[in-house]
C-alpha cells in the first residue's frame, strides 16, 4: 500500500473530529473522501499532512511512519496537498510561485551563491505546461482567473514529485465546466504518473465520475468505503449524506 492509516484519532475538547479512521490507498488509485459538513474531512487531511498532531493512530507512506513528523518533512517524503482556500503568493509571478516550491523540494531555499531567479526554472516551466499555464508564466498570481489559480495550486502541489496527492475540495467555487476540466487534468496526470490521489468533494457528479473508490465520513467515522456504485447504493450513506431513503 502507498498510504496506510490505522485508527487515527483527533479531538477538540469533546468533539471527536477524526474518530478511529483507518484506510489503505494503493499506488495509482483515485479515491474520493465525502461526507456532510463537519464530518472531519479537512481535519483528517490536516493530520495526514502534519498540520495537526494526531491524538492516537499511525500514518504510513510505504514502509515509513509519518505520524509525528512536521509538515515540511512529510511534504519532502512525497505527500502533497491543496487547500480549500487557494494558497499562493499573489505578488509573485506564476513561474516564481512554482519555483519557490521547487527550491524547497531541492533544499535550495537558502542558497546564497546563485540568484534564485535562475534556479529550477526549467522544472517549474514544465510543471506549468503540464497544467496548461505555459502562456501565463510571467503574470502575477494575484491577477489569475479563479480556474487558473486552481491550476497553479495544482502545479505547486506537484513540485515535490509526490507519491500521494491530497486535494481538499479542488473544484470549490468553480463553474461546472471548469470543474470537469480541472478534474480531467488531475486524472490525466495521476494516471500518467501513477499518483495516489485522495480528494474531498461536494459535487457528487464529480465524485461518481472520477473516483475509483469512495470513502464516506460521518461524525469523524468511516461509514462506507467502496466503489462508486456500492457507495451510491449504501442505505446508511443515502440516509446521512445523499439525502435519499428514510
C-alpha atoms as a PDB file:
ATOM      1  CA  UNK A   1       0.000   0.000   0.000  1.00  0.00           C
ATOM      2  CA  UNK A   2       1.159   3.526  -0.781  1.00  0.00           C
ATOM      3  CA  UNK A   3      -0.649   5.198   2.149  1.00  0.00           C
ATOM      4  CA  UNK A   4      -1.873   3.356   5.248  1.00  0.00           C
ATOM      5  CA  UNK A   5      -3.834   4.925   8.095  1.00  0.00           C
ATOM      6  CA  UNK A   6      -4.561   2.980  11.276  1.00  0.00           C
ATOM      7  CA  UNK A   7      -7.090   4.029  13.937  1.00  0.00           C
ATOM      8  CA  UNK A   8      -6.389   7.751  13.522  1.00  0.00           C
ATOM      9  CA  UNK A   9      -7.972   9.995  16.142  1.00  0.00           C
ATOM     10  CA  UNK A  10      -8.160  13.738  16.715  1.00  0.00           C
ATOM     11  CA  UNK A  11     -10.465  15.501  19.182  1.00  0.00           C
ATOM     12  CA  UNK A  12     -11.090  19.126  20.035  1.00  0.00           C
ATOM     13  CA  UNK A  13     -12.462  19.139  23.558  1.00  0.00           C
ATOM     14  CA  UNK A  14     -15.434  16.804  23.464  1.00  0.00           C
ATOM     15  CA  UNK A  15     -15.717  16.826  19.666  1.00  0.00           C
ATOM     16  CA  UNK A  16     -14.159  13.765  18.021  1.00  0.00           C
ATOM     17  CA  UNK A  17     -13.376  15.231  14.604  1.00  0.00           C
ATOM     18  CA  UNK A  18     -11.489  12.107  13.490  1.00  0.00           C
ATOM     19  CA  UNK A  19     -12.662   9.057  15.410  1.00  0.00           C
ATOM     20  CA  UNK A  20     -10.761   5.876  14.643  1.00  0.00           C
ATOM     21  CA  UNK A  21     -10.277   6.305  10.893  1.00  0.00           C
ATOM     22  CA  UNK A  22      -8.438   3.520   9.054  1.00  0.00           C
ATOM     23  CA  UNK A  23      -7.845   3.355   5.319  1.00  0.00           C
ATOM     24  CA  UNK A  24      -5.454   1.961   2.740  1.00  0.00           C
ATOM     25  CA  UNK A  25      -4.653   3.649  -0.571  1.00  0.00           C
ATOM     26  CA  UNK A  26      -2.795   1.590  -3.186  1.00  0.00           C
ATOM     27  CA  UNK A  27      -0.465   3.153  -5.714  1.00  0.00           C
ATOM     28  CA  UNK A  28      -2.297   4.874  -8.556  1.00  0.00           C
ATOM     29  CA  UNK A  29      -5.772   4.836  -7.001  1.00  0.00           C
ATOM     30  CA  UNK A  30      -8.019   7.912  -7.096  1.00  0.00           C
ATOM     31  CA  UNK A  31     -10.291   7.907  -4.073  1.00  0.00           C
ATOM     32  CA  UNK A  32     -12.922  10.453  -3.101  1.00  0.00           C
ATOM     33  CA  UNK A  33     -13.489  11.395   0.531  1.00  0.00           C
ATOM     34  CA  UNK A  34     -17.025  12.635   1.082  1.00  0.00           C
ATOM     35  CA  UNK A  35     -19.295  13.438   3.992  1.00  0.00           C
ATOM     36  CA  UNK A  36     -21.533  16.180   5.410  1.00  0.00           C
ATOM     37  CA  UNK A  37     -20.039  19.479   6.544  1.00  0.00           C
ATOM     38  CA  UNK A  38     -18.279  18.850   9.839  1.00  0.00           C
ATOM     39  CA  UNK A  39     -17.687  15.179   9.079  1.00  0.00           C
ATOM     40  CA  UNK A  40     -13.943  15.561   9.700  1.00  0.00           C
ATOM     41  CA  UNK A  41     -12.578  15.589   6.159  1.00  0.00           C
ATOM     42  CA  UNK A  42     -10.308  18.637   6.424  1.00  0.00           C
ATOM     43  CA  UNK A  43      -9.207  17.634   9.930  1.00  0.00           C
ATOM     44  CA  UNK A  44      -8.197  14.249   8.526  1.00  0.00           C
ATOM     45  CA  UNK A  45      -6.185  15.975   5.792  1.00  0.00           C
ATOM     46  CA  UNK A  46      -4.524  18.221   8.381  1.00  0.00           C
ATOM     47  CA  UNK A  47      -3.478  15.213  10.449  1.00  0.00           C
ATOM     48  CA  UNK A  48      -2.229  13.294   7.408  1.00  0.00           C
ATOM     49  CA  UNK A  49      -0.022  16.223   6.372  1.00  0.00           C
ATOM     50  CA  UNK A  50       1.243  17.201   9.828  1.00  0.00           C
ATOM     51  CA  UNK A  51      -0.673  20.450  10.307  1.00  0.00           C
ATOM     52  CA  UNK A  52      -2.270  18.758  13.310  1.00  0.00           C
ATOM     53  CA  UNK A  53      -0.740  16.096  15.532  1.00  0.00           C
ATOM     54  CA  UNK A  54      -2.945  13.010  15.992  1.00  0.00           C
ATOM     55  CA  UNK A  55      -4.164  12.057  19.458  1.00  0.00           C
ATOM     56  CA  UNK A  56      -3.695   8.410  18.500  1.00  0.00           C
ATOM     57  CA  UNK A  57      -3.098   6.218  15.476  1.00  0.00           C
ATOM     58  CA  UNK A  58      -0.489   5.925  12.760  1.00  0.00           C
ATOM     59  CA  UNK A  59       0.087   7.115   9.201  1.00  0.00           C
ATOM     60  CA  UNK A  60       2.491   5.217   6.946  1.00  0.00           C
ATOM     61  CA  UNK A  61       3.819   6.069   3.494  1.00  0.00           C
ATOM     62  CA  UNK A  62       5.085   2.806   2.073  1.00  0.00           C
ATOM     63  CA  UNK A  63       7.236   1.451   4.884  1.00  0.00           C
ATOM     64  CA  UNK A  64       7.914   4.798   6.565  1.00  0.00           C
ATOM     65  CA  UNK A  65       5.929   6.107   9.514  1.00  0.00           C
ATOM     66  CA  UNK A  66       4.812   9.715   9.047  1.00  0.00           C
ATOM     67  CA  UNK A  67       2.957  10.255  12.322  1.00  0.00           C
ATOM     68  CA  UNK A  68       4.579  12.992  14.389  1.00  0.00           C
ATOM     69  CA  UNK A  69       6.635  14.478  11.555  1.00  0.00           C
ATOM     70  CA  UNK A  70       6.281  18.218  10.802  1.00  0.00           C
ATOM     71  CA  UNK A  71       4.525  19.288   7.573  1.00  0.00           C
ATOM     72  CA  UNK A  72       7.711  20.089   5.645  1.00  0.00           C
ATOM     73  CA  UNK A  73       9.170  16.653   6.419  1.00  0.00           C
ATOM     74  CA  UNK A  74       6.003  14.890   5.278  1.00  0.00           C
ATOM     75  CA  UNK A  75       5.961  17.020   2.115  1.00  0.00           C
ATOM     76  CA  UNK A  76       9.555  16.145   1.314  1.00  0.00           C
ATOM     77  CA  UNK A  77       8.753  12.453   1.714  1.00  0.00           C
ATOM     78  CA  UNK A  78       6.168  12.690  -1.038  1.00  0.00           C
ATOM     79  CA  UNK A  79       2.787  13.693   0.405  1.00  0.00           C
ATOM     80  CA  UNK A  80       1.448  16.909  -1.107  1.00  0.00           C
ATOM     81  CA  UNK A  81      -1.857  18.757  -0.804  1.00  0.00           C
ATOM     82  CA  UNK A  82      -4.003  21.647  -1.903  1.00  0.00           C
ATOM     83  CA  UNK A  83      -6.342  23.652   0.320  1.00  0.00           C
ATOM     84  CA  UNK A  84      -9.997  24.698   0.258  1.00  0.00           C
ATOM     85  CA  UNK A  85      -8.838  28.322   0.128  1.00  0.00           C
ATOM     86  CA  UNK A  86      -6.217  28.632  -2.588  1.00  0.00           C
ATOM     87  CA  UNK A  87      -2.772  29.352  -1.120  1.00  0.00           C
ATOM     88  CA  UNK A  88      -0.398  31.182  -3.487  1.00  0.00           C
ATOM     89  CA  UNK A  89       1.899  34.226  -3.356  1.00  0.00           C
ATOM     90  CA  UNK A  90      -0.264  36.850  -5.044  1.00  0.00           C
ATOM     91  CA  UNK A  91       2.553  39.320  -5.814  1.00  0.00           C
ATOM     92  CA  UNK A  92       4.940  36.708  -7.239  1.00  0.00           C
ATOM     93  CA  UNK A  93       4.679  35.623 -10.838  1.00  0.00           C
ATOM     94  CA  UNK A  94       3.093  32.299 -11.761  1.00  0.00           C
ATOM     95  CA  UNK A  95       6.570  30.949 -12.522  1.00  0.00           C
ATOM     96  CA  UNK A  96       8.039  32.221  -9.257  1.00  0.00           C
ATOM     97  CA  UNK A  97       5.287  30.541  -7.245  1.00  0.00           C
ATOM     98  CA  UNK A  98       6.283  27.161  -8.637  1.00  0.00           C
ATOM     99  CA  UNK A  99       9.992  27.984  -8.352  1.00  0.00           C
ATOM    100  CA  UNK A 100       9.574  28.591  -4.619  1.00  0.00           C
ATOM    101  CA  UNK A 101       8.084  25.129  -4.188  1.00  0.00           C
ATOM    102  CA  UNK A 102      10.746  23.527  -6.388  1.00  0.00           C
ATOM    103  CA  UNK A 103      13.533  25.279  -4.441  1.00  0.00           C
ATOM    104  CA  UNK A 104      12.129  23.925  -1.192  1.00  0.00           C
ATOM    105  CA  UNK A 105      11.913  20.415  -2.639  1.00  0.00           C
ATOM    106  CA  UNK A 106      15.504  20.645  -3.884  1.00  0.00           C
ATOM    107  CA  UNK A 107      16.594  22.002  -0.467  1.00  0.00           C
ATOM    108  CA  UNK A 108      17.909  25.149  -2.116  1.00  0.00           C
ATOM    109  CA  UNK A 109      15.695  27.683  -0.347  1.00  0.00           C
ATOM    110  CA  UNK A 110      18.700  29.130   1.466  1.00  0.00           C
ATOM    111  CA  UNK A 111      21.118  29.050  -1.469  1.00  0.00           C
ATOM    112  CA  UNK A 112      23.295  32.139  -1.194  1.00  0.00           C
ATOM    113  CA  UNK A 113      25.615  31.991  -4.178  1.00  0.00           C
ATOM    114  CA  UNK A 114      23.133  31.712  -7.042  1.00  0.00           C
ATOM    115  CA  UNK A 115      20.323  34.207  -7.720  1.00  0.00           C
ATOM    116  CA  UNK A 116      17.060  32.395  -7.047  1.00  0.00           C
ATOM    117  CA  UNK A 117      15.610  33.527 -10.362  1.00  0.00           C
ATOM    118  CA  UNK A 118      17.967  31.179 -12.200  1.00  0.00           C
ATOM    119  CA  UNK A 119      17.152  28.085 -10.145  1.00  0.00           C
ATOM    120  CA  UNK A 120      14.650  25.362 -11.042  1.00  0.00           C
ATOM    121  CA  UNK A 121      13.327  27.413 -13.958  1.00  0.00           C
ATOM    122  CA  UNK A 122      13.002  24.562 -16.439  1.00  0.00           C
ATOM    123  CA  UNK A 123      11.331  22.207 -13.961  1.00  0.00           C
ATOM    124  CA  UNK A 124       8.910  24.974 -12.976  1.00  0.00           C
ATOM    125  CA  UNK A 125       8.094  25.749 -16.621  1.00  0.00           C
ATOM    126  CA  UNK A 126       7.494  22.040 -17.290  1.00  0.00           C
ATOM    127  CA  UNK A 127       5.001  21.839 -14.424  1.00  0.00           C
ATOM    128  CA  UNK A 128       3.162  24.933 -15.643  1.00  0.00           C
ATOM    129  CA  UNK A 129       2.970  23.472 -19.146  1.00  0.00           C
ATOM    130  CA  UNK A 130       1.595  20.264 -17.649  1.00  0.00           C
ATOM    131  CA  UNK A 131      -1.341  22.121 -16.062  1.00  0.00           C
ATOM    132  CA  UNK A 132      -1.960  24.400 -19.045  1.00  0.00           C
ATOM    133  CA  UNK A 133      -0.385  27.622 -17.782  1.00  0.00           C
ATOM    134  CA  UNK A 134       2.630  27.848 -20.094  1.00  0.00           C
ATOM    135  CA  UNK A 135       1.374  31.124 -21.568  1.00  0.00           C
ATOM    136  CA  UNK A 136       0.919  32.798 -18.164  1.00  0.00           C
ATOM    137  CA  UNK A 137       4.279  32.268 -16.501  1.00  0.00           C
ATOM    138  CA  UNK A 138       5.142  35.955 -16.084  1.00  0.00           C
ATOM    139  CA  UNK A 139       1.753  37.148 -14.812  1.00  0.00           C
ATOM    140  CA  UNK A 140       1.337  37.880 -11.093  1.00  0.00           C
ATOM    141  CA  UNK A 141      -0.594  35.063  -9.448  1.00  0.00           C
ATOM    142  CA  UNK A 142      -2.977  37.612  -7.945  1.00  0.00           C
ATOM    143  CA  UNK A 143      -4.478  38.537 -11.335  1.00  0.00           C
ATOM    144  CA  UNK A 144      -5.256  34.993 -12.500  1.00  0.00           C
ATOM    145  CA  UNK A 145      -8.802  33.890 -13.129  1.00  0.00           C
ATOM    146  CA  UNK A 146     -10.056  31.573 -10.404  1.00  0.00           C
ATOM    147  CA  UNK A 147      -9.850  28.439 -12.539  1.00  0.00           C
ATOM    148  CA  UNK A 148      -6.251  29.231 -13.487  1.00  0.00           C
ATOM    149  CA  UNK A 149      -5.428  29.879  -9.838  1.00  0.00           C
ATOM    150  CA  UNK A 150      -6.591  26.344  -9.060  1.00  0.00           C
ATOM    151  CA  UNK A 151      -4.307  25.039 -11.826  1.00  0.00           C
ATOM    152  CA  UNK A 152      -1.401  26.986 -10.355  1.00  0.00           C
ATOM    153  CA  UNK A 153      -2.054  25.464  -6.951  1.00  0.00           C
ATOM    154  CA  UNK A 154      -2.025  22.033  -8.578  1.00  0.00           C
ATOM    155  CA  UNK A 155       1.352  22.786 -10.190  1.00  0.00           C
ATOM    156  CA  UNK A 156       2.706  23.861  -6.793  1.00  0.00           C
ATOM    157  CA  UNK A 157       1.399  20.650  -5.229  1.00  0.00           C
ATOM    158  CA  UNK A 158       3.221  18.636  -7.897  1.00  0.00           C
ATOM    159  CA  UNK A 159       6.506  20.460  -7.323  1.00  0.00           C
ATOM    160  CA  UNK A 160       7.779  17.874  -4.817  1.00  0.00           C
ATOM    161  CA  UNK A 161       7.220  14.968  -7.240  1.00  0.00           C
ATOM    162  CA  UNK A 162       4.679  13.475  -4.831  1.00  0.00           C
ATOM    163  CA  UNK A 163       3.662   9.865  -4.443  1.00  0.00           C
ATOM    164  CA  UNK A 164       0.396  10.893  -2.750  1.00  0.00           C
ATOM    165  CA  UNK A 165      -1.673  13.957  -3.654  1.00  0.00           C
ATOM    166  CA  UNK A 166      -4.386  15.221  -1.286  1.00  0.00           C
ATOM    167  CA  UNK A 167      -6.847  17.657  -2.846  1.00  0.00           C
ATOM    168  CA  UNK A 168      -9.162  19.462  -0.414  1.00  0.00           C
ATOM    169  CA  UNK A 169     -12.256  20.488  -2.407  1.00  0.00           C
ATOM    170  CA  UNK A 170     -10.293  21.170  -5.604  1.00  0.00           C
ATOM    171  CA  UNK A 171     -13.344  22.393  -7.543  1.00  0.00           C
ATOM    172  CA  UNK A 172     -14.917  24.569  -4.824  1.00  0.00           C
ATOM    173  CA  UNK A 173     -16.174  27.865  -6.234  1.00  0.00           C
ATOM    174  CA  UNK A 174     -15.736  26.795  -9.852  1.00  0.00           C
ATOM    175  CA  UNK A 175     -18.335  26.721 -12.615  1.00  0.00           C
ATOM    176  CA  UNK A 176     -19.473  23.225 -13.688  1.00  0.00           C
ATOM    177  CA  UNK A 177     -17.479  23.312 -16.933  1.00  0.00           C
ATOM    178  CA  UNK A 178     -14.340  24.378 -15.057  1.00  0.00           C
ATOM    179  CA  UNK A 179     -14.820  21.573 -12.526  1.00  0.00           C
ATOM    180  CA  UNK A 180     -14.856  18.975 -15.262  1.00  0.00           C
ATOM    181  CA  UNK A 181     -11.791  20.463 -16.937  1.00  0.00           C
ATOM    182  CA  UNK A 182      -9.761  20.551 -13.724  1.00  0.00           C
ATOM    183  CA  UNK A 183     -10.661  17.017 -12.673  1.00  0.00           C
ATOM    184  CA  UNK A 184      -9.881  15.631 -16.134  1.00  0.00           C
ATOM    185  CA  UNK A 185      -6.490  17.297 -15.784  1.00  0.00           C
ATOM    186  CA  UNK A 186      -5.975  15.737 -12.345  1.00  0.00           C
ATOM    187  CA  UNK A 187      -6.996  12.287 -13.564  1.00  0.00           C
ATOM    188  CA  UNK A 188      -4.739  12.502 -16.611  1.00  0.00           C
ATOM    189  CA  UNK A 189      -1.716  13.479 -14.514  1.00  0.00           C
ATOM    190  CA  UNK A 190      -2.482  10.835 -11.886  1.00  0.00           C
ATOM    191  CA  UNK A 191      -2.797   8.052 -14.471  1.00  0.00           C
ATOM    192  CA  UNK A 192       0.350   9.137 -16.290  1.00  0.00           C
ATOM    193  CA  UNK A 193       2.440   9.327 -13.107  1.00  0.00           C
ATOM    194  CA  UNK A 194       0.766   6.520 -11.124  1.00  0.00           C
ATOM    195  CA  UNK A 195      -0.088   9.068  -8.429  1.00  0.00           C
ATOM    196  CA  UNK A 196      -2.232   8.078  -5.486  1.00  0.00           C
ATOM    197  CA  UNK A 197      -4.945  10.729  -5.073  1.00  0.00           C
ATOM    198  CA  UNK A 198      -7.348  11.355  -2.196  1.00  0.00           C
ATOM    199  CA  UNK A 199      -9.753  14.245  -2.767  1.00  0.00           C
ATOM    200  CA  UNK A 200     -12.684  15.781  -0.916  1.00  0.00           C
ATOM    201  CA  UNK A 201     -15.609  16.995  -2.971  1.00  0.00           C
ATOM    202  CA  UNK A 202     -19.252  18.036  -2.555  1.00  0.00           C
ATOM    203  CA  UNK A 203     -20.191  17.702  -6.228  1.00  0.00           C
ATOM    204  CA  UNK A 204     -21.448  14.119  -6.495  1.00  0.00           C
ATOM    205  CA  UNK A 205     -21.264  14.185 -10.290  1.00  0.00           C
ATOM    206  CA  UNK A 206     -17.529  14.776  -9.968  1.00  0.00           C
ATOM    207  CA  UNK A 207     -17.171  12.116  -7.269  1.00  0.00           C
ATOM    208  CA  UNK A 208     -19.005   9.339  -9.086  1.00  0.00           C
ATOM    209  CA  UNK A 209     -17.381  10.180 -12.434  1.00  0.00           C
ATOM    210  CA  UNK A 210     -13.771  10.474 -11.286  1.00  0.00           C
ATOM    211  CA  UNK A 211     -13.199   8.250  -8.263  1.00  0.00           C
ATOM    212  CA  UNK A 212     -12.087   4.623  -8.396  1.00  0.00           C
ATOM    213  CA  UNK A 213     -13.419   4.228  -4.862  1.00  0.00           C
ATOM    214  CA  UNK A 214     -15.322   6.450  -2.421  1.00  0.00           C
ATOM    215  CA  UNK A 215     -14.800   6.723   1.336  1.00  0.00           C
ATOM    216  CA  UNK A 216     -17.584   8.305   3.404  1.00  0.00           C
ATOM    217  CA  UNK A 217     -17.045  10.037   6.755  1.00  0.00           C
ATOM    218  CA  UNK A 218     -19.798  10.881   9.221  1.00  0.00           C
ATOM    219  CA  UNK A 219     -19.085  12.429  12.615  1.00  0.00           C
ATOM    220  CA  UNK A 220     -15.428  11.532  12.260  1.00  0.00           C
ATOM    221  CA  UNK A 221     -16.008   7.866  11.469  1.00  0.00           C
ATOM    222  CA  UNK A 222     -15.853   5.841   8.255  1.00  0.00           C
ATOM    223  CA  UNK A 223     -19.354   4.632   7.449  1.00  0.00           C
ATOM    224  CA  UNK A 224     -18.673   3.317   3.931  1.00  0.00           C
ATOM    225  CA  UNK A 225     -15.733   2.586   1.644  1.00  0.00           C
ATOM    226  CA  UNK A 226     -16.305   1.023  -1.756  1.00  0.00           C
ATOM    227  CA  UNK A 227     -16.794   1.538  -5.449  1.00  0.00           C
ATOM    228  CA  UNK A 228     -18.969   4.468  -6.555  1.00  0.00           C
ATOM    229  CA  UNK A 229     -21.813   2.050  -7.277  1.00  0.00           C
ATOM    230  CA  UNK A 230     -21.516   0.397  -3.858  1.00  0.00           C
ATOM    231  CA  UNK A 231     -21.459   3.725  -2.023  1.00  0.00           C
ATOM    232  CA  UNK A 232     -24.338   5.136  -4.067  1.00  0.00           C
ATOM    233  CA  UNK A 233     -26.422   2.108  -3.116  1.00  0.00           C
ATOM    234  CA  UNK A 234     -25.470   2.049   0.571  1.00  0.00           C
ATOM    235  CA  UNK A 235     -28.560   2.674   2.704  1.00  0.00           C
ATOM    236  CA  UNK A 236     -26.652   4.393   5.515  1.00  0.00           C
ATOM    237  CA  UNK A 237     -24.917   6.756   3.088  1.00  0.00           C
ATOM    238  CA  UNK A 238     -28.239   7.546   1.442  1.00  0.00           C
ATOM    239  CA  UNK A 239     -29.739   8.422   4.787  1.00  0.00           C
ATOM    240  CA  UNK A 240     -26.970  10.552   6.312  1.00  0.00           C
ATOM    241  CA  UNK A 241     -25.465  12.197   3.251  1.00  0.00           C
ATOM    242  CA  UNK A 242     -27.030  11.731  -0.147  1.00  0.00           C
ATOM    243  CA  UNK A 243     -30.491  12.707   1.122  1.00  0.00           C
ATOM    244  CA  UNK A 244     -32.227   9.586  -0.093  1.00  0.00           C
ATOM    245  CA  UNK A 245     -34.197   6.976   1.794  1.00  0.00           C
ATOM    246  CA  UNK A 246     -35.768   7.255   5.193  1.00  0.00           C
END
